[in-house]
PDB file of N, CA and C in Angstrom:
ATOM      1  N   MET A   1     -14.619  -3.921  37.096  1.00  0.00           N
ATOM      2  CA  MET A   1     -14.400  -3.847  35.674  1.00  0.00           C
ATOM      3  C   MET A   1     -13.902  -2.445  35.338  1.00  0.00           C
ATOM      4  N   ARG A   2     -12.971  -2.384  34.429  1.00  0.00           N
ATOM      5  CA  ARG A   2     -12.457  -1.086  33.990  1.00  0.00           C
ATOM      6  C   ARG A   2     -13.400  -0.496  32.948  1.00  0.00           C
ATOM      7  N   LEU A   3     -13.365   0.808  32.799  1.00  0.00           N
ATOM      8  CA  LEU A   3     -14.274   1.500  31.879  1.00  0.00           C
ATOM      9  C   LEU A   3     -14.108   0.993  30.449  1.00  0.00           C
ATOM     10  N   ASN A   4     -12.861   0.778  30.004  1.00  0.00           N
ATOM     11  CA  ASN A   4     -12.673   0.316  28.631  1.00  0.00           C
ATOM     12  C   ASN A   4     -13.278  -1.076  28.425  1.00  0.00           C
ATOM     13  N   GLU A   5     -13.281  -1.897  29.467  1.00  0.00           N
ATOM     14  CA  GLU A   5     -13.915  -3.220  29.382  1.00  0.00           C
ATOM     15  C   GLU A   5     -15.436  -3.092  29.284  1.00  0.00           C
ATOM     16  N   ALA A   6     -15.994  -2.155  30.042  1.00  0.00           N
ATOM     17  CA  ALA A   6     -17.440  -1.924  29.993  1.00  0.00           C
ATOM     18  C   ALA A   6     -17.844  -1.418  28.609  1.00  0.00           C
ATOM     19  N   ILE A   7     -17.044  -0.538  28.031  1.00  0.00           N
ATOM     20  CA  ILE A   7     -17.331  -0.020  26.692  1.00  0.00           C
ATOM     21  C   ILE A   7     -17.277  -1.161  25.676  1.00  0.00           C
ATOM     22  N   SER A   8     -16.288  -2.013  25.778  1.00  0.00           N
ATOM     23  CA  SER A   8     -16.154  -3.149  24.873  1.00  0.00           C
ATOM     24  C   SER A   8     -17.363  -4.080  24.985  1.00  0.00           C
ATOM     25  N   LYS A   9     -17.746  -4.410  26.199  1.00  0.00           N
ATOM     26  CA  LYS A   9     -18.882  -5.317  26.401  1.00  0.00           C
ATOM     27  C   LYS A   9     -20.178  -4.700  25.889  1.00  0.00           C
ATOM     28  N   ARG A  10     -20.353  -3.410  26.149  1.00  0.00           N
ATOM     29  CA  ARG A  10     -21.576  -2.738  25.697  1.00  0.00           C
ATOM     30  C   ARG A  10     -21.632  -2.701  24.170  1.00  0.00           C
ATOM     31  N   LEU A  11     -20.512  -2.410  23.531  1.00  0.00           N
ATOM     32  CA  LEU A  11     -20.474  -2.391  22.078  1.00  0.00           C
ATOM     33  C   LEU A  11     -20.815  -3.772  21.525  1.00  0.00           C
ATOM     34  N   GLU A  12     -20.269  -4.804  22.141  1.00  0.00           N
ATOM     35  CA  GLU A  12     -20.561  -6.167  21.710  1.00  0.00           C
ATOM     36  C   GLU A  12     -22.053  -6.478  21.861  1.00  0.00           C
ATOM     37  N   GLU A  13     -22.647  -6.084  22.993  1.00  0.00           N
ATOM     38  CA  GLU A  13     -24.083  -6.300  23.222  1.00  0.00           C
ATOM     39  C   GLU A  13     -24.921  -5.660  22.118  1.00  0.00           C
ATOM     40  N   ILE A  14     -24.582  -4.422  21.791  1.00  0.00           N
ATOM     41  CA  ILE A  14     -25.372  -3.684  20.800  1.00  0.00           C
ATOM     42  C   ILE A  14     -25.185  -4.289  19.410  1.00  0.00           C
ATOM     43  N   LEU A  15     -23.960  -4.640  19.067  1.00  0.00           N
ATOM     44  CA  LEU A  15     -23.720  -5.268  17.769  1.00  0.00           C
ATOM     45  C   LEU A  15     -24.535  -6.554  17.640  1.00  0.00           C
ATOM     46  N   ILE A  16     -24.533  -7.369  18.683  1.00  0.00           N
ATOM     47  CA  ILE A  16     -25.286  -8.623  18.654  1.00  0.00           C
ATOM     48  C   ILE A  16     -26.784  -8.345  18.534  1.00  0.00           C
ATOM     49  N   SER A  17     -27.282  -7.388  19.313  1.00  0.00           N
ATOM     50  CA  SER A  17     -28.722  -7.098  19.288  1.00  0.00           C
ATOM     51  C   SER A  17     -29.171  -6.574  17.928  1.00  0.00           C
ATOM     52  N   LYS A  18     -28.274  -5.900  17.209  1.00  0.00           N
ATOM     53  CA  LYS A  18     -28.603  -5.358  15.892  1.00  0.00           C
ATOM     54  C   LYS A  18     -28.204  -6.305  14.761  1.00  0.00           C
ATOM     55  N   GLY A  19     -27.575  -7.425  15.124  1.00  0.00           N
ATOM     56  CA  GLY A  19     -27.148  -8.372  14.103  1.00  0.00           C
ATOM     57  C   GLY A  19     -26.082  -7.805  13.189  1.00  0.00           C
ATOM     58  N   MET A  20     -25.234  -6.946  13.746  1.00  0.00           N
ATOM     59  CA  MET A  20     -24.197  -6.273  12.957  1.00  0.00           C
ATOM     60  C   MET A  20     -22.826  -6.849  13.267  1.00  0.00           C
ATOM     61  N   THR A  21     -21.948  -6.760  12.286  1.00  0.00           N
ATOM     62  CA  THR A  21     -20.554  -7.130  12.483  1.00  0.00           C
ATOM     63  C   THR A  21     -19.733  -5.864  12.687  1.00  0.00           C
ATOM     64  N   GLN A  22     -18.503  -6.046  13.135  1.00  0.00           N
ATOM     65  CA  GLN A  22     -17.596  -4.901  13.271  1.00  0.00           C
ATOM     66  C   GLN A  22     -17.384  -4.246  11.909  1.00  0.00           C
ATOM     67  N   TYR A  23     -17.319  -5.052  10.857  1.00  0.00           N
ATOM     68  CA  TYR A  23     -17.129  -4.512   9.509  1.00  0.00           C
ATOM     69  C   TYR A  23     -18.309  -3.633   9.111  1.00  0.00           C
ATOM     70  N   GLU A  24     -19.527  -4.081   9.395  1.00  0.00           N
ATOM     71  CA  GLU A  24     -20.705  -3.271   9.074  1.00  0.00           C
ATOM     72  C   GLU A  24     -20.694  -1.966   9.851  1.00  0.00           C
ATOM     73  N   LEU A  25     -20.252  -2.030  11.110  1.00  0.00           N
ATOM     74  CA  LEU A  25     -20.151  -0.810  11.909  1.00  0.00           C
ATOM     75  C   LEU A  25     -19.143   0.148  11.292  1.00  0.00           C
ATOM     76  N   PHE A  26     -18.028  -0.364  10.835  1.00  0.00           N
ATOM     77  CA  PHE A  26     -17.026   0.458  10.153  1.00  0.00           C
ATOM     78  C   PHE A  26     -17.643   1.141   8.934  1.00  0.00           C
ATOM     79  N   LYS A  27     -18.364   0.376   8.121  1.00  0.00           N
ATOM     80  CA  LYS A  27     -18.956   0.936   6.903  1.00  0.00           C
ATOM     81  C   LYS A  27     -19.998   2.006   7.219  1.00  0.00           C
ATOM     82  N   ARG A  28     -20.759   1.812   8.284  1.00  0.00           N
ATOM     83  CA  ARG A  28     -21.839   2.752   8.632  1.00  0.00           C
ATOM     84  C   ARG A  28     -21.337   3.969   9.402  1.00  0.00           C
ATOM     85  N   SER A  29     -20.267   3.795  10.173  1.00  0.00           N
ATOM     86  CA  SER A  29     -19.826   4.872  11.065  1.00  0.00           C
ATOM     87  C   SER A  29     -18.612   5.634  10.540  1.00  0.00           C
ATOM     88  N   GLY A  30     -17.810   4.978   9.712  1.00  0.00           N
ATOM     89  CA  GLY A  30     -16.571   5.604   9.253  1.00  0.00           C
ATOM     90  C   GLY A  30     -15.431   5.463  10.242  1.00  0.00           C
ATOM     91  N   VAL A  31     -15.688   4.856  11.395  1.00  0.00           N
ATOM     92  CA  VAL A  31     -14.625   4.607  12.373  1.00  0.00           C
ATOM     93  C   VAL A  31     -13.751   3.491  11.805  1.00  0.00           C
ATOM     94  N   PRO A  32     -12.434   3.697  11.738  1.00  0.00           N
ATOM     95  CA  PRO A  32     -11.563   2.672  11.156  1.00  0.00           C
ATOM     96  C   PRO A  32     -11.760   1.300  11.809  1.00  0.00           C
ATOM     97  N   ARG A  33     -11.666   0.261  10.969  1.00  0.00           N
ATOM     98  CA  ARG A  33     -11.839  -1.109  11.471  1.00  0.00           C
ATOM     99  C   ARG A  33     -10.845  -1.407  12.585  1.00  0.00           C
ATOM    100  N   SER A  34      -9.622  -0.897  12.432  1.00  0.00           N
ATOM    101  CA  SER A  34      -8.603  -1.150  13.459  1.00  0.00           C
ATOM    102  C   SER A  34      -8.999  -0.514  14.788  1.00  0.00           C
ATOM    103  N   THR A  35      -9.608   0.652  14.738  1.00  0.00           N
ATOM    104  CA  THR A  35     -10.051   1.322  15.959  1.00  0.00           C
ATOM    105  C   THR A  35     -11.163   0.537  16.624  1.00  0.00           C
ATOM    106  N   ILE A  36     -12.140   0.078  15.834  1.00  0.00           N
ATOM    107  CA  ILE A  36     -13.232  -0.722  16.388  1.00  0.00           C
ATOM    108  C   ILE A  36     -12.667  -1.991  17.028  1.00  0.00           C
ATOM    109  N   GLY A  37     -11.739  -2.637  16.335  1.00  0.00           N
ATOM    110  CA  GLY A  37     -11.101  -3.839  16.878  1.00  0.00           C
ATOM    111  C   GLY A  37     -10.360  -3.552  18.164  1.00  0.00           C
ATOM    112  N   ASN A  38      -9.659  -2.430  18.221  1.00  0.00           N
ATOM    113  CA  ASN A  38      -8.929  -2.066  19.434  1.00  0.00           C
ATOM    114  C   ASN A  38      -9.869  -1.779  20.590  1.00  0.00           C
ATOM    115  N   VAL A  39     -11.014  -1.156  20.309  1.00  0.00           N
ATOM    116  CA  VAL A  39     -12.014  -0.916  21.358  1.00  0.00           C
ATOM    117  C   VAL A  39     -12.550  -2.254  21.855  1.00  0.00           C
ATOM    118  N   MET A  40     -12.876  -3.142  20.941  1.00  0.00           N
ATOM    119  CA  MET A  40     -13.430  -4.449  21.312  1.00  0.00           C
ATOM    120  C   MET A  40     -12.425  -5.295  22.102  1.00  0.00           C
ATOM    121  N   ASN A  41     -11.147  -5.148  21.784  1.00  0.00           N
ATOM    122  CA  ASN A  41     -10.097  -5.929  22.446  1.00  0.00           C
ATOM    123  C   ASN A  41      -9.500  -5.225  23.665  1.00  0.00           C
ATOM    124  N   CYS A  42     -10.080  -4.087  24.053  1.00  0.00           N
ATOM    125  CA  CYS A  42      -9.601  -3.308  25.205  1.00  0.00           C
ATOM    126  C   CYS A  42      -8.129  -2.918  25.051  1.00  0.00           C
ATOM    127  N   SER A  43      -7.727  -2.623  23.827  1.00  0.00           N
ATOM    128  CA  SER A  43      -6.334  -2.232  23.582  1.00  0.00           C
ATOM    129  C   SER A  43      -6.045  -0.805  24.033  1.00  0.00           C
ATOM    130  N   TYR A  44      -7.085  -0.006  24.191  1.00  0.00           N
ATOM    131  CA  TYR A  44      -6.925   1.371  24.653  1.00  0.00           C
ATOM    132  C   TYR A  44      -7.248   1.437  26.140  1.00  0.00           C
ATOM    133  N   ASP A  45      -6.457   2.232  26.881  1.00  0.00           N
ATOM    134  CA  ASP A  45      -6.778   2.462  28.290  1.00  0.00           C
ATOM    135  C   ASP A  45      -8.057   3.278  28.418  1.00  0.00           C
ATOM    136  N   SER A  46      -8.259   4.173  27.455  1.00  0.00           N
ATOM    137  CA  SER A  46      -9.477   4.975  27.435  1.00  0.00           C
ATOM    138  C   SER A  46      -9.898   5.158  25.979  1.00  0.00           C
ATOM    139  N   VAL A  47     -11.163   5.436  25.792  1.00  0.00           N
ATOM    140  CA  VAL A  47     -11.715   5.618  24.454  1.00  0.00           C
ATOM    141  C   VAL A  47     -12.264   7.029  24.375  1.00  0.00           C
ATOM    142  N   LYS A  48     -11.891   7.755  23.336  1.00  0.00           N
ATOM    143  CA  LYS A  48     -12.379   9.124  23.183  1.00  0.00           C
ATOM    144  C   LYS A  48     -13.887   9.116  22.964  1.00  0.00           C
ATOM    145  N   LEU A  49     -14.540  10.066  23.585  1.00  0.00           N
ATOM    146  CA  LEU A  49     -15.984  10.193  23.456  1.00  0.00           C
ATOM    147  C   LEU A  49     -16.377  10.397  21.996  1.00  0.00           C
ATOM    148  N   ARG A  50     -15.548  11.071  21.223  1.00  0.00           N
ATOM    149  CA  ARG A  50     -15.811  11.292  19.802  1.00  0.00           C
ATOM    150  C   ARG A  50     -15.941   9.961  19.065  1.00  0.00           C
ATOM    151  N   ILE A  51     -15.089   8.996  19.400  1.00  0.00           N
ATOM    152  CA  ILE A  51     -15.136   7.681  18.762  1.00  0.00           C
ATOM    153  C   ILE A  51     -16.437   6.961  19.132  1.00  0.00           C
ATOM    154  N   ILE A  52     -16.788   7.027  20.408  1.00  0.00           N
ATOM    155  CA  ILE A  52     -18.041   6.399  20.843  1.00  0.00           C
ATOM    156  C   ILE A  52     -19.225   7.054  20.127  1.00  0.00           C
ATOM    157  N   HIS A  53     -19.191   8.380  20.023  1.00  0.00           N
ATOM    158  CA  HIS A  53     -20.266   9.102  19.339  1.00  0.00           C
ATOM    159  C   HIS A  53     -20.378   8.668  17.883  1.00  0.00           C
ATOM    160  N   GLU A  54     -19.257   8.568  17.182  1.00  0.00           N
ATOM    161  CA  GLU A  54     -19.275   8.152  15.781  1.00  0.00           C
ATOM    162  C   GLU A  54     -19.791   6.726  15.632  1.00  0.00           C
ATOM    163  N   MET A  55     -19.415   5.843  16.563  1.00  0.00           N
ATOM    164  CA  MET A  55     -19.925   4.475  16.511  1.00  0.00           C
ATOM    165  C   MET A  55     -21.433   4.474  16.762  1.00  0.00           C
ATOM    166  N   CYS A  56     -21.894   5.308  17.690  1.00  0.00           N
ATOM    167  CA  CYS A  56     -23.332   5.398  17.971  1.00  0.00           C
ATOM    168  C   CYS A  56     -24.102   5.856  16.726  1.00  0.00           C
ATOM    169  N   LEU A  57     -23.536   6.780  15.978  1.00  0.00           N
ATOM    170  CA  LEU A  57     -24.189   7.215  14.742  1.00  0.00           C
ATOM    171  C   LEU A  57     -24.343   6.034  13.788  1.00  0.00           C
ATOM    172  N   GLY A  58     -23.296   5.234  13.670  1.00  0.00           N
ATOM    173  CA  GLY A  58     -23.345   4.051  12.814  1.00  0.00           C
ATOM    174  C   GLY A  58     -24.312   2.999  13.324  1.00  0.00           C
ATOM    175  N   LEU A  59     -24.472   2.940  14.634  1.00  0.00           N
ATOM    176  CA  LEU A  59     -25.398   1.991  15.251  1.00  0.00           C
ATOM    177  C   LEU A  59     -26.829   2.519  15.272  1.00  0.00           C
ATOM    178  N   GLU A  60     -26.984   3.775  14.900  1.00  0.00           N
ATOM    179  CA  GLU A  60     -28.278   4.466  14.906  1.00  0.00           C
ATOM    180  C   GLU A  60     -28.898   4.499  16.298  1.00  0.00           C
ATOM    181  N   ILE A  61     -28.054   4.825  17.284  1.00  0.00           N
ATOM    182  CA  ILE A  61     -28.523   5.020  18.660  1.00  0.00           C
ATOM    183  C   ILE A  61     -27.923   6.319  19.180  1.00  0.00           C
ATOM    184  N   GLY A  62     -28.515   6.851  20.208  1.00  0.00           N
ATOM    185  CA  GLY A  62     -27.959   8.020  20.863  1.00  0.00           C
ATOM    186  C   GLY A  62     -26.862   7.602  21.834  1.00  0.00           C
ATOM    187  N   ILE A  63     -25.995   8.528  22.135  1.00  0.00           N
ATOM    188  CA  ILE A  63     -24.901   8.218  23.055  1.00  0.00           C
ATOM    189  C   ILE A  63     -25.449   7.891  24.443  1.00  0.00           C
ATOM    190  N   GLY A  64     -26.563   8.507  24.803  1.00  0.00           N
ATOM    191  CA  GLY A  64     -27.198   8.201  26.082  1.00  0.00           C
ATOM    192  C   GLY A  64     -27.636   6.755  26.154  1.00  0.00           C
ATOM    193  N   GLU A  65     -28.170   6.246  25.039  1.00  0.00           N
ATOM    194  CA  GLU A  65     -28.591   4.842  24.999  1.00  0.00           C
ATOM    195  C   GLU A  65     -27.387   3.916  25.155  1.00  0.00           C
ATOM    196  N   PHE A  66     -26.253   4.322  24.573  1.00  0.00           N
ATOM    197  CA  PHE A  66     -25.047   3.496  24.697  1.00  0.00           C
ATOM    198  C   PHE A  66     -24.677   3.321  26.172  1.00  0.00           C
ATOM    199  N   PHE A  67     -24.727   4.417  26.915  1.00  0.00           N
ATOM    200  CA  PHE A  67     -24.298   4.382  28.314  1.00  0.00           C
ATOM    201  C   PHE A  67     -25.402   3.961  29.287  1.00  0.00           C
ATOM    202  N   THR A  68     -26.620   3.727  28.775  1.00  0.00           N
ATOM    203  CA  THR A  68     -27.708   3.247  29.626  1.00  0.00           C
ATOM    204  C   THR A  68     -27.588   1.733  29.741  1.00  0.00           C
ATOM    205  N   SER A  69     -26.786   1.316  30.673  1.00  0.00           N
ATOM    206  CA  SER A  69     -26.522  -0.101  30.894  1.00  0.00           C
ATOM    207  C   SER A  69     -25.968  -0.273  32.298  1.00  0.00           C
ATOM    208  N   PRO A  70     -26.305  -1.371  32.956  1.00  0.00           N
ATOM    209  CA  PRO A  70     -25.734  -1.639  34.281  1.00  0.00           C
ATOM    210  C   PRO A  70     -24.206  -1.742  34.255  1.00  0.00           C
ATOM    211  N   LEU A  71     -23.640  -1.976  33.074  1.00  0.00           N
ATOM    212  CA  LEU A  71     -22.175  -2.044  32.968  1.00  0.00           C
ATOM    213  C   LEU A  71     -21.517  -0.762  33.460  1.00  0.00           C
ATOM    214  N   PHE A  72     -22.232   0.368  33.324  1.00  0.00           N
ATOM    215  CA  PHE A  72     -21.653   1.662  33.670  1.00  0.00           C
ATOM    216  C   PHE A  72     -22.049   2.154  35.058  1.00  0.00           C
ATOM    217  N   ASP A  73     -22.743   1.326  35.835  1.00  0.00           N
ATOM    218  CA  ASP A  73     -23.044   1.697  37.214  1.00  0.00           C
ATOM    219  C   ASP A  73     -21.733   1.840  37.988  1.00  0.00           C
ATOM    220  N   GLU A  74     -21.664   2.845  38.822  1.00  0.00           N
ATOM    221  CA  GLU A  74     -20.429   3.105  39.583  1.00  0.00           C
ATOM    222  C   GLU A  74     -19.947   1.887  40.354  1.00  0.00           C
ATOM    223  N   ASN A  75     -20.892   1.113  40.892  1.00  0.00           N
ATOM    224  CA  ASN A  75     -20.525  -0.055  41.679  1.00  0.00           C
ATOM    225  C   ASN A  75     -19.844  -1.142  40.844  1.00  0.00           C
ATOM    226  N   ASN A  76     -20.036  -1.083  39.530  1.00  0.00           N
ATOM    227  CA  ASN A  76     -19.449  -2.090  38.646  1.00  0.00           C
ATOM    228  C   ASN A  76     -18.102  -1.668  38.061  1.00  0.00           C
ATOM    229  N   LEU A  77     -17.737  -0.402  38.252  1.00  0.00           N
ATOM    230  CA  LEU A  77     -16.507   0.109  37.657  1.00  0.00           C
ATOM    231  C   LEU A  77     -15.431   0.311  38.703  1.00  0.00           C
ATOM    232  N   GLU A  78     -14.201   0.014  38.301  1.00  0.00           N
ATOM    233  CA  GLU A  78     -13.044   0.250  39.173  1.00  0.00           C
ATOM    234  C   GLU A  78     -12.695   1.728  39.133  1.00  0.00           C
ATOM    235  N   ASP A  79     -12.048   2.188  40.174  1.00  0.00           N
ATOM    236  CA  ASP A  79     -11.591   3.580  40.219  1.00  0.00           C
ATOM    237  C   ASP A  79     -10.428   3.795  39.286  1.00  0.00           C
TER     238      ASP A  79
END
């Protein structure tokens, strides 16, 4: 799995666990809806850490919690 795919899946997991929509994340984080959609659709080859941080603020989690997932284990990511 590519890193952008892991980020997309993790964001989806967290949104579902919090019962939030992409629109609610936009309202809480200030990250443009189009950017959130592009992250979810893997439209970016890479995602800036600043964007992930801003989304984490809207999700009310730390960035460490975002990356604490088996999705980000080295064995699961492509080079």
